[in-house]
Protein backbone atom coordinates (compact mmCIF):
# COMPACT_ATOMS: atom_id res chain seq x y z
CA UNK A 1 -11.44 -23.37 13.47
CA UNK A 2 -9.35 -20.65 15.33
CA UNK A 3 -6.34 -19.13 13.68
CA UNK A 4 -3.86 -20.86 16.03
CA UNK A 5 -5.59 -24.17 15.60
CA UNK A 6 -5.44 -24.02 11.93
CA UNK A 7 -1.75 -23.14 11.82
CA UNK A 8 -0.81 -25.89 14.32
CA UNK A 9 1.98 -28.27 13.03
CA UNK A 10 1.82 -26.69 9.46
CA UNK A 11 4.84 -26.31 7.21
CA UNK A 12 5.14 -22.76 5.91
CA UNK A 13 7.05 -21.48 2.92
CA UNK A 14 8.47 -17.87 3.09
CA UNK A 15 10.22 -15.70 0.52
CA UNK A 16 11.39 -12.26 0.83
CA UNK A 17 12.72 -12.85 4.27
CA UNK A 18 15.50 -10.31 3.95
CA UNK A 19 12.96 -7.42 3.45
CA UNK A 20 11.82 -5.55 6.45
CA UNK A 21 8.38 -7.06 6.06
CA UNK A 22 9.74 -10.62 5.71
CA UNK A 23 12.00 -10.35 8.70
CA UNK A 24 9.20 -9.34 11.12
CA UNK A 25 6.86 -11.85 9.59
CA UNK A 26 9.30 -14.69 10.31
CA UNK A 27 9.82 -13.35 13.77
CA UNK A 28 6.01 -13.17 14.49
CA UNK A 29 5.37 -16.70 13.12
CA UNK A 30 8.17 -18.26 15.24
CA UNK A 31 7.22 -16.43 18.39
CA UNK A 32 3.35 -16.70 18.27
CA UNK A 33 2.85 -19.88 16.31
CA UNK A 34 5.16 -22.36 18.11
CA UNK A 35 4.04 -25.39 16.25
CA UNK A 36 4.87 -24.06 12.78
CA UNK A 37 7.91 -25.07 10.77
CA UNK A 38 9.31 -22.57 8.33
CA UNK A 39 10.99 -23.16 5.00
CA UNK A 40 12.87 -20.09 3.88
CA UNK A 41 14.12 -19.55 0.25
CA UNK A 42 17.30 -17.31 0.12
CA UNK A 43 20.06 -16.84 -2.43
CA UNK A 44 23.67 -16.50 -1.72
CA UNK A 45 24.88 -12.90 -1.53
CA UNK A 46 28.00 -10.95 -0.57
CA UNK A 47 29.95 -14.09 0.15
CA UNK A 48 27.23 -15.61 2.46
CA UNK A 49 25.19 -18.61 1.66
CA UNK A 50 21.44 -18.91 2.48
CA UNK A 51 22.08 -20.45 5.86
CA UNK A 52 24.63 -17.82 6.86
CA UNK A 53 22.35 -15.06 5.72
CA UNK A 54 19.59 -16.47 7.89
CA UNK A 55 21.85 -16.61 10.97
CA UNK A 56 22.71 -12.91 10.26
CA UNK A 57 19.05 -12.07 10.26
CA UNK A 58 18.55 -13.84 13.62
CA UNK A 59 21.47 -11.85 15.14
CA UNK A 60 19.70 -8.66 14.10
CA UNK A 61 18.12 -6.16 16.64
CA UNK A 62 14.48 -7.16 15.54
CA UNK A 63 15.09 -10.72 16.93
CA UNK A 64 16.25 -9.77 20.40
CA UNK A 65 12.82 -10.62 21.87
CA UNK A 66 12.68 -13.99 20.05
CA UNK A 67 16.22 -14.96 21.29
CA UNK A 68 15.26 -14.14 24.81
CA UNK A 69 11.89 -15.86 24.90
CA UNK A 70 12.60 -18.78 22.46
CA UNK A 71 16.46 -19.13 21.98
CA UNK A 72 15.97 -22.41 20.05
CA UNK A 73 13.47 -21.08 17.55
CA UNK A 74 15.98 -21.06 14.65
CA UNK A 75 15.84 -24.90 14.78
CA UNK A 76 12.25 -24.66 13.35
CA UNK A 77 13.57 -22.83 10.17
CA UNK A 78 15.16 -24.57 7.29
CA UNK A 79 16.85 -22.67 4.47
CA UNK A 80 16.82 -23.43 0.75
CA UNK A 81 19.12 -21.95 -1.78
CA UNK A 82 17.01 -20.44 -4.49
CA UNK A 83 16.24 -17.32 -6.54
CA UNK A 84 12.79 -15.71 -7.27
CA UNK A 85 14.05 -14.63 -10.70
CA UNK A 86 14.35 -18.16 -12.15
CA UNK A 87 11.90 -20.90 -12.94
CA UNK A 88 11.15 -23.26 -10.08
CA UNK A 89 12.94 -20.71 -7.96
CA UNK A 90 16.20 -22.27 -9.09
CA UNK A 91 15.77 -25.04 -6.44
CA UNK A 92 17.46 -28.35 -6.61
CA UNK A 93 15.45 -31.50 -7.26
CA UNK A 94 16.14 -32.61 -3.66
CA UNK A 95 14.84 -29.33 -2.22
CA UNK A 96 11.72 -29.27 -4.48
CA UNK A 97 10.81 -32.79 -3.02
CA UNK A 98 11.16 -31.41 0.49
CA UNK A 99 9.09 -28.42 -0.15
CA UNK A 100 6.08 -30.63 -1.35
CA UNK A 101 5.16 -30.66 2.41
CA UNK A 102 4.32 -26.97 2.37
CA UNK A 103 0.63 -26.10 3.14
CA UNK A 104 0.97 -22.20 3.53
CA UNK A 105 3.19 -19.90 1.47
CA UNK A 106 4.04 -16.18 2.24
CA UNK A 107 5.64 -13.92 -0.39
CA UNK A 108 6.85 -10.82 1.53
CA UNK A 109 8.87 -9.07 -1.25
CA UNK A 110 10.38 -9.32 -4.75
CA UNK A 111 9.07 -10.56 -8.11
CA UNK A 112 6.15 -12.99 -7.79
CA UNK A 113 5.64 -14.54 -11.21
CA UNK A 114 7.84 -17.53 -10.76
CA UNK A 115 6.94 -17.86 -7.04
CA UNK A 116 3.17 -18.22 -7.94
CA UNK A 117 3.99 -20.49 -10.73
CA UNK A 118 5.88 -22.71 -8.34
CA UNK A 119 3.10 -22.67 -5.90
CA UNK A 120 0.83 -24.30 -8.42
CA UNK A 121 3.02 -27.42 -8.16
CA UNK A 122 2.70 -27.72 -4.23
CA UNK A 123 0.14 -30.56 -3.80
CA UNK A 124 -0.72 -29.83 -0.15
CA UNK A 125 -1.01 -26.04 -0.45
CA UNK A 126 -4.05 -24.59 1.28
CA UNK A 127 -3.35 -20.85 0.93
CA UNK A 128 -0.97 -18.15 -0.17
CA UNK A 129 -0.45 -14.64 1.37
CA UNK A 130 1.23 -12.25 -1.00
CA UNK A 131 2.26 -8.68 -0.26
CA UNK A 132 1.44 -5.96 -2.89
CA UNK A 133 0.91 -2.23 -2.94
CA UNK A 134 -2.14 0.01 -3.42
CA UNK A 135 0.11 2.65 -5.17
CA UNK A 136 -0.10 0.66 -8.48
CA UNK A 137 -3.77 1.70 -8.79
CA UNK A 138 -5.70 4.80 -9.79
CA UNK A 139 -9.13 5.79 -8.91
CA UNK A 140 -11.09 3.86 -6.31
CA UNK A 141 -9.09 0.81 -5.04
CA UNK A 142 -11.63 -2.00 -4.71
CA UNK A 143 -11.38 -5.23 -3.02
CA UNK A 144 -11.00 -7.20 -6.23
CA UNK A 145 -8.24 -7.74 -8.75
CA UNK A 146 -7.49 -4.70 -10.79
CA UNK A 147 -5.29 -5.38 -13.84
CA UNK A 148 -3.22 -7.77 -11.46
CA UNK A 149 -2.07 -11.09 -13.29
CA UNK A 150 -2.71 -13.53 -10.64
CA UNK A 151 -3.37 -17.29 -11.28
CA UNK A 152 -6.43 -18.92 -9.95
CA UNK A 153 -5.07 -20.18 -6.61
CA UNK A 154 -6.20 -19.74 -2.97
CA UNK A 155 -4.38 -16.44 -2.65
CA UNK A 156 -4.75 -13.60 -0.12
CA UNK A 157 -3.48 -10.55 -2.07
CA UNK A 158 -2.77 -8.09 0.61
CA UNK A 159 -2.20 -4.56 -0.61
CA UNK A 160 -0.39 -2.10 1.67
CA UNK A 161 0.29 1.59 1.57
CA UNK A 162 3.64 2.78 3.07
CA UNK A 163 4.83 0.45 5.76
CA UNK A 164 5.90 2.44 8.82
CA UNK A 165 7.54 1.55 12.06
CA UNK A 166 6.04 -1.25 14.12
CA UNK A 167 3.24 -0.34 16.59
CA UNK A 168 4.07 -2.87 19.36
CA UNK A 169 5.97 -5.88 17.95
CA UNK A 170 8.57 -7.06 17.96
CA UNK A 171 9.10 -3.87 20.12
CA UNK A 172 7.16 -0.49 20.19
CA UNK A 173 8.27 1.71 17.32
CA UNK A 174 10.69 -0.80 15.86
CA UNK A 175 12.37 0.23 12.62
CA UNK A 176 15.77 -0.78 11.07
CA UNK A 177 15.84 1.47 7.98
CA UNK A 178 14.92 5.08 7.46
CA UNK A 179 12.02 5.33 4.97
CA UNK A 180 9.57 7.99 3.90
CA UNK A 181 6.87 7.76 6.56
CA UNK A 182 9.48 7.41 9.37
CA UNK A 183 11.58 10.37 8.21
CA UNK A 184 8.48 12.59 8.10
CA UNK A 185 6.93 11.50 11.41
CA UNK A 186 10.15 12.04 13.48
CA UNK A 187 10.90 15.38 11.91
CA UNK A 188 13.96 14.46 9.97
CA UNK A 189 13.10 16.65 6.92
CA UNK A 190 10.46 18.74 5.21
CA UNK A 191 8.13 17.03 2.83
CA UNK A 192 6.12 17.95 -0.24
CA UNK A 193 2.41 16.84 -0.19
CA UNK A 194 -1.14 17.81 0.86
CA UNK A 195 -1.11 17.62 4.60
CA UNK A 196 -4.87 17.23 4.88
CA UNK A 197 -4.92 13.90 3.06
CA UNK A 198 -5.06 10.65 5.06
CA UNK A 199 -1.65 9.43 6.18
CA UNK A 200 -1.07 6.42 3.87
CA UNK A 201 0.82 4.41 6.53
CA UNK A 202 0.34 0.89 7.99
CA UNK A 203 2.50 -0.06 10.99
CA UNK A 204 4.86 -2.96 10.22
CA UNK A 205 3.34 -5.33 12.70
CA UNK A 206 -0.12 -4.54 11.51
CA UNK A 207 0.95 -5.61 8.06
CA UNK A 208 2.46 -8.83 9.30
CA UNK A 209 -0.72 -9.57 11.29
CA UNK A 210 -2.91 -8.96 8.23
CA UNK A 211 -0.82 -11.48 6.03
CA UNK A 212 -1.09 -14.16 8.80
CA UNK A 213 -4.83 -13.67 9.33
CA UNK A 214 -5.63 -13.37 5.62
CA UNK A 215 -3.77 -16.67 4.80
CA UNK A 216 -5.83 -18.35 7.68
CA UNK A 217 -9.15 -17.07 6.30
CA UNK A 218 -8.28 -18.23 2.81
CA UNK A 219 -7.51 -21.68 4.21
CA UNK A 220 -10.66 -22.18 6.36
CA UNK A 221 -12.90 -20.87 3.75
CA UNK A 222 -11.44 -23.27 1.11
CA UNK A 223 -11.03 -20.36 -1.43
CA UNK A 224 -10.01 -21.34 -4.86
CA UNK A 225 -9.49 -17.92 -6.38
CA UNK A 226 -7.57 -14.83 -5.19
CA UNK A 227 -9.23 -12.64 -2.58
CA UNK A 228 -8.01 -9.06 -2.09
CA UNK A 229 -7.45 -7.30 1.27
CA UNK A 230 -6.62 -3.60 1.48
CA UNK A 231 -4.70 -3.08 4.84
CA UNK A 232 -5.88 -0.69 7.43
CA UNK A 233 -4.34 2.80 7.91
CA UNK A 234 -3.01 4.66 10.94
CA UNK A 235 -6.32 6.63 11.04
CA UNK A 236 -5.02 10.09 10.77
CA UNK A 237 -4.00 12.80 8.33
CA UNK A 238 -0.45 13.77 7.47
CA UNK A 239 -0.95 17.01 9.29
CA UNK A 240 -2.14 15.21 12.43
CA UNK A 241 0.90 12.84 12.16
CA UNK A 242 3.21 15.77 12.00
CA UNK A 243 1.52 17.70 14.85
CA UNK A 244 1.60 14.58 17.14
CA UNK A 245 5.36 14.31 16.55
CA UNK A 246 6.24 17.48 18.44
CA UNK A 247 7.08 15.75 21.65
CA UNK A 248 9.04 13.06 19.94
CA UNK A 249 11.12 15.61 18.14
CA UNK A 250 12.04 17.23 21.41
CA UNK A 251 12.83 14.13 23.19
CA UNK A 252 14.57 12.32 20.36
CA UNK A 253 15.67 15.01 17.84
CA UNK A 254 17.02 13.51 14.55
CA UNK A 255 20.63 14.59 14.00
CA UNK A 256 20.24 16.77 10.89
CA UNK A 257 19.00 20.32 10.21
CA UNK A 258 15.67 18.87 9.04
CA UNK A 259 12.52 20.99 9.66
CA UNK A 260 9.25 19.42 10.70
CA UNK A 261 6.28 19.87 8.18
CA UNK A 262 4.67 19.41 4.84
CA UNK A 263 3.43 21.80 2.05
CA UNK A 264 1.75 21.43 -1.22
CA UNK A 265 3.32 24.67 -2.58
CA UNK A 266 6.45 23.48 -4.45
CA UNK A 267 8.25 26.77 -4.62
CA UNK A 268 8.01 27.24 -0.86
CA UNK A 269 9.05 23.62 -0.27
CA UNK A 270 12.34 24.14 -2.22
CA UNK A 271 13.02 27.44 -0.62
CA UNK A 272 12.68 25.91 2.89
CA UNK A 273 14.56 22.86 2.12
CA UNK A 274 17.50 24.70 0.41
CA UNK A 275 17.78 27.48 3.06
CA UNK A 276 17.00 25.63 6.30
CA UNK A 277 18.25 22.20 5.48
CA UNK A 278 20.78 21.95 2.71
CA UNK A 279 22.64 25.19 3.34
CA UNK A 280 23.19 24.70 7.06
CA UNK A 281 24.36 21.09 6.37
CA UNK A 282 26.83 22.37 3.66
CA UNK A 283 28.16 25.09 5.99
CA UNK A 284 28.72 22.71 8.85
CA UNK A 285 30.63 20.26 6.60
CA UNK A 286 32.76 23.04 5.26
CA UNK A 287 33.60 23.99 8.90
CA UNK A 288 34.31 20.34 9.84
CA UNK A 289 36.54 20.02 6.84
CA UNK A 290 38.55 23.17 7.83
CA UNK A 291 39.14 21.82 11.42
CA UNK A 292 40.12 18.24 10.19
CA UNK A 293 36.86 16.51 11.26
CA UNK A 294 34.84 14.07 9.04
CA UNK A 295 32.34 15.74 6.84
CA UNK A 296 29.13 13.80 7.64
CA UNK A 297 26.18 16.26 7.93
CA UNK A 298 25.66 16.77 4.16
CA UNK A 299 25.61 13.00 3.69
CA UNK A 300 22.97 12.62 6.47
CA UNK A 301 20.95 15.42 4.62
CA UNK A 302 21.11 13.36 1.32
CA UNK A 303 20.06 10.22 3.14
CA UNK A 304 16.89 12.00 4.56
CA UNK A 305 16.12 13.43 1.11
CA UNK A 306 16.36 10.08 -0.49
CA UNK A 307 14.11 8.63 2.15
CA UNK A 308 11.46 11.26 1.67
CA UNK A 309 11.57 11.31 -2.22
CA UNK A 310 8.98 8.53 -2.68
CA UNK A 311 6.53 10.39 -0.48
CA UNK A 312 5.99 13.04 -3.04
CA UNK A 313 4.05 10.91 -5.44
CA UNK A 314 2.04 9.39 -2.57
CA UNK A 315 1.10 12.43 -0.32
CA UNK A 316 0.04 14.76 -3.16
CA UNK A 317 -3.16 12.83 -4.12
CA UNK A 318 -5.78 10.69 -2.27
CA UNK A 319 -5.87 6.95 -2.46
CA UNK A 320 -9.45 5.97 -1.75
CA UNK A 321 -9.50 2.24 -0.94
CA UNK A 322 -12.39 -0.12 0.18
CA UNK A 323 -11.32 -1.83 3.48
CA UNK A 324 -14.45 -3.77 4.58
CA UNK A 325 -12.67 -7.02 4.19
CA UNK A 326 -10.01 -6.37 6.91
CA UNK A 327 -12.60 -5.17 9.34
CA UNK A 328 -14.60 -8.35 8.80
CA UNK A 329 -11.38 -10.43 9.11
CA UNK A 330 -10.69 -8.70 12.49
CA UNK A 331 -14.22 -9.67 13.76
CA UNK A 332 -13.65 -13.34 12.59
CA UNK A 333 -10.75 -13.74 15.00
CA UNK A 334 -11.29 -14.71 18.64
CA UNK A 335 -10.99 -12.09 21.28
CA UNK A 336 -7.74 -13.52 22.39
CA UNK A 337 -6.39 -13.74 18.78
CA UNK A 338 -7.50 -10.15 18.15
CA UNK A 339 -5.02 -9.10 21.02
CA UNK A 340 -2.25 -11.27 19.58
CA UNK A 341 -2.76 -10.57 15.92
CA UNK A 342 -4.46 -7.03 15.71
CA UNK A 343 -5.10 -6.05 12.18
CA UNK A 344 -7.18 -2.80 12.73
CA UNK A 345 -5.56 -1.55 16.08
CA UNK A 346 -6.53 1.66 17.75
CA UNK A 347 -3.34 3.57 17.86
CA UNK A 348 -2.27 6.46 20.17
CA UNK A 349 -0.44 8.45 17.44
CA UNK A 350 1.71 10.51 19.83
CA UNK A 351 2.90 7.43 21.71
CA UNK A 352 3.48 5.61 18.40
CA UNK A 353 5.60 8.40 16.94
CA UNK A 354 7.52 8.80 20.21
CA UNK A 355 8.52 5.10 20.20
CA UNK A 356 9.36 5.49 16.39
CA UNK A 357 11.72 8.32 17.12
CA UNK A 358 13.42 6.46 20.00
CA UNK A 359 13.95 3.41 17.82
CA UNK A 360 15.18 5.33 14.87
CA UNK A 361 17.81 7.05 17.01
CA UNK A 362 18.92 3.61 18.33
CA UNK A 363 18.89 1.58 15.05
CA UNK A 364 19.17 4.10 12.10
CA UNK A 365 21.48 6.82 13.34
CA UNK A 366 25.36 7.01 13.50
CA UNK A 367 26.23 7.98 17.03
CA UNK A 368 29.06 10.26 15.74
CA UNK A 369 26.32 12.28 13.85
CA UNK A 370 24.43 12.91 17.11
CA UNK A 371 27.72 14.10 18.77
CA UNK A 372 28.57 16.50 15.85
CA UNK A 373 25.05 17.93 15.79
CA UNK A 374 25.11 18.55 19.50
CA UNK A 375 28.34 20.38 19.19
CA UNK A 376 26.89 22.49 16.46
CA UNK A 377 23.72 23.30 18.54
CA UNK A 378 25.79 24.29 21.54
CA UNK A 379 27.94 26.46 19.33
CA UNK A 380 24.89 28.27 18.03
CA UNK A 381 23.41 28.53 21.50
CA UNK A 382 26.72 29.96 22.89
CA UNK A 383 26.89 32.64 20.21
CA UNK A 384 24.00 34.88 21.55
CA UNK A 385 25.34 34.41 25.10
CA UNK A 386 28.77 35.56 24.02
CA UNK A 387 27.23 38.52 22.13
CA UNK A 388 25.16 39.55 25.08
CA UNK A 389 28.16 39.30 27.61
CA UNK A 390 30.41 41.30 25.10
CA UNK A 391 27.66 43.88 24.78
CA UNK A 392 27.27 44.38 28.62
CA UNK A 393 30.99 44.35 29.14
CA UNK A 394 31.56 47.04 26.49
CA UNK A 395 28.82 49.21 27.94
CA UNK A 396 30.39 48.86 31.34
CA UNK A 397 33.77 49.95 30.04
CA UNK A 398 32.37 52.89 28.20
CA UNK A 399 30.45 53.99 31.18
CA UNK A 400 33.67 53.94 33.27
CA UNK A 401 35.44 56.04 30.56
């Protein structure tokens, strides 16, 4: 049975919808699996109840394509007030009765203990897809449980490296938050790590497609125990990723004094960051303060540094992982479904980074920061011109004297 046939008219439970992965997962299900109904568990937060939070998600940039192609898609989503930190997800008795219709469950983020415990009480459940990370493991990362406490359920445990900007969906390069791989590939700041190691990055839409396809395979094979999938990588080194970003950096420069690159020599790393990133940012904010403008460059520097910080523990060592299962899963899909749900895509790295840089500028950058940096660059460009003109003028006057 094909993937789309298997998913037809199913009721899906989704948790972690407010995470970047969960948002794109929900968008993909609604857009590409039109017969599916989705039950979302959300908790009230910041004065918004679960339904209001879902409407806010639907109004976000990542849902623009869905709003245009399927404006009524939100009618296929039902929200339930709950919390992953509590037994039975803190659901009411009425909500638990409604959720007994669920046949597929996705866990995109957050604690999983109570979620998996609750899944054991779903009578019609055929499969569960749960996101995890390869970075919890040491040595060879095999396609089997490794000190992971998972109950004996039909679970697809999908381990991811860093999740980077989307490759194609919901739009090329799509990203809403500045994270480590994005900050590195668009040249927002210098990084500490071994540039010759494989880039531990999976595009956001590849991650989503892997979870959807893995849940399908668990369902059609009638698995009764957890099966592990280690998601595919971009297929390049950190060095290659940085080099391929040159065009993106020129076309869509990030509005900081960040320098492009990576080194494993820590003293050099700190010297370059302090002298070429932190110090210029500080000086610019001092100047802005003196002329009465808002000081924002150092804050952007801190934002980039915080985004790149997790990369230090990832890019300084290899993460050898078996990935046979995702390649077999790709082959199991029909040709048409390989195009719709690619899980091992062939990626043009330069184009990918260019789209990511454009999306970052559009969705992650304050427009005022761009204007401020442009003013600074124009000033620095004008200084040599002024000096040259002054030198020529002085020589002309002296020659006349």
